[in-house]
Amino acid sequence: MAARVRRSGNPRLTIALVRALLVAFLVMLLSFAISLLLAIAGLLIVAASQGTPVDMTFAYRHVAAPVAMVVGPIVLVLSLVMEIRHDRQAKALASIERAG
């Protein structure tokens, strides 16, 4: 059997970082879209009940963007923690398998 040659650096952690960034970006977009939808619905309800025109820029600037900016870093940190935990668990299981 051919022995595995390991390159310098840790490509698993690089891939984990890329996956964490991708997940954080996608969840941030999803949270932006959902919060924007809910903010627009709320603005329409308030405007209809008060009989005033709807200012949609409020939904973008004061609701959806701040929600996405808060959710993004939180998800990034959580997904990095999960990826690092998964990597350590895989290393531990591989060492147990090699020992047995």
Protein backbone atom coordinates (compact mmCIF):
# COMPACT_ATOMS: atom_id res chain seq x y z
CA MET A 1 0.00 0.00 0.00
CA ALA A 2 1.18 3.47 -0.77
CA ALA A 3 1.71 5.75 2.20
CA ARG A 4 -0.16 9.02 2.29
CA VAL A 5 2.03 12.05 1.83
CA ARG A 6 0.95 15.02 3.88
CA ARG A 7 1.66 18.48 2.50
CA SER A 8 2.86 21.28 4.70
CA GLY A 9 0.13 23.28 6.39
CA ASN A 10 -3.28 21.99 7.30
CA PRO A 11 -5.63 21.88 4.30
CA ARG A 12 -8.46 20.54 6.45
CA LEU A 13 -8.54 23.72 8.50
CA THR A 14 -8.45 25.82 5.33
CA ILE A 15 -11.39 23.91 3.92
CA ALA A 16 -13.17 24.24 7.27
CA LEU A 17 -12.66 28.01 7.18
CA VAL A 18 -14.01 28.23 3.63
CA ARG A 19 -17.06 26.15 4.58
CA ALA A 20 -17.67 28.29 7.67
CA LEU A 21 -17.47 31.48 5.61
CA LEU A 22 -19.85 30.06 3.01
CA VAL A 23 -22.37 28.98 5.64
CA ALA A 24 -22.14 32.35 7.40
CA PHE A 25 -22.67 34.22 4.13
CA LEU A 26 -25.67 32.10 3.15
CA VAL A 27 -27.30 32.39 6.58
CA MET A 28 -26.65 36.13 6.55
CA LEU A 29 -28.41 36.45 3.17
CA LEU A 30 -31.29 34.33 4.41
CA SER A 31 -31.66 36.38 7.58
CA PHE A 32 -31.56 39.59 5.52
CA ALA A 33 -34.30 38.30 3.23
CA ILE A 34 -36.55 37.07 6.04
CA SER A 35 -36.13 40.18 8.17
CA LEU A 36 -36.77 42.36 5.12
CA LEU A 37 -39.95 40.45 4.33
CA LEU A 38 -41.19 40.76 7.91
CA ALA A 39 -40.24 44.46 8.09
CA ILE A 40 -42.07 45.24 4.85
CA ALA A 41 -45.13 43.34 6.06
CA GLY A 42 -45.03 45.24 9.34
CA LEU A 43 -44.63 48.57 7.56
CA LEU A 44 -47.57 47.79 5.30
CA ILE A 45 -49.76 46.93 8.28
CA VAL A 46 -48.77 50.10 10.16
CA ALA A 47 -49.19 52.29 7.07
CA ALA A 48 -52.60 50.80 6.31
CA SER A 49 -53.83 51.30 9.85
CA GLN A 50 -52.57 54.90 10.03
CA GLY A 51 -53.37 55.85 6.45
CA THR A 52 -49.83 57.08 5.75
CA PRO A 53 -47.53 56.28 2.82
CA VAL A 54 -45.03 53.45 3.21
CA ASP A 55 -41.31 54.28 3.43
CA MET A 56 -39.61 51.07 2.28
CA THR A 57 -36.11 52.44 2.87
CA PHE A 58 -36.77 52.12 6.59
CA ALA A 59 -37.13 48.35 6.17
CA TYR A 60 -33.75 48.11 4.42
CA ARG A 61 -31.70 50.55 6.47
CA HIS A 62 -33.07 50.16 9.98
CA VAL A 63 -34.27 46.56 10.13
CA ALA A 64 -32.87 44.14 7.55
CA ALA A 65 -29.29 45.39 7.29
CA PRO A 66 -28.66 45.55 11.05
CA VAL A 67 -30.19 42.11 11.55
CA ALA A 68 -27.94 40.63 8.86
CA MET A 69 -24.88 42.39 10.31
CA VAL A 70 -25.58 40.88 13.72
CA VAL A 71 -26.47 37.39 12.50
CA GLY A 72 -23.48 37.06 10.14
CA PRO A 73 -20.64 37.21 12.68
CA ILE A 74 -22.55 35.07 15.18
CA VAL A 75 -23.07 32.34 12.60
CA LEU A 76 -19.45 32.62 11.47
CA VAL A 77 -18.16 32.04 15.00
CA LEU A 78 -20.59 29.18 15.63
CA SER A 79 -19.81 27.45 12.34
CA LEU A 80 -16.06 27.82 12.95
CA VAL A 81 -16.47 26.22 16.37
CA MET A 82 -18.47 23.37 14.86
CA GLU A 83 -15.94 22.83 12.05
CA ILE A 84 -12.98 22.81 14.45
CA ARG A 85 -14.81 20.42 16.77
CA HIS A 86 -15.59 18.14 13.84
CA ASP A 87 -11.95 18.22 12.69
CA ARG A 88 -10.66 17.33 16.17
CA GLN A 89 -13.19 14.54 16.51
CA ALA A 90 -12.20 13.12 13.12
CA LYS A 91 -8.51 13.20 14.12
CA ALA A 92 -9.27 11.44 17.41
CA LEU A 93 -11.35 8.75 15.69
CA ALA A 94 -8.62 8.24 13.08
CA SER A 95 -5.98 7.79 15.77
CA ILE A 96 -8.19 5.29 17.61
CA GLU A 97 -8.71 3.41 14.36
CA ARG A 98 -4.97 3.32 13.68
CA ALA A 99 -4.25 2.09 17.20
CA GLY A 100 -6.81 -0.71 16.98
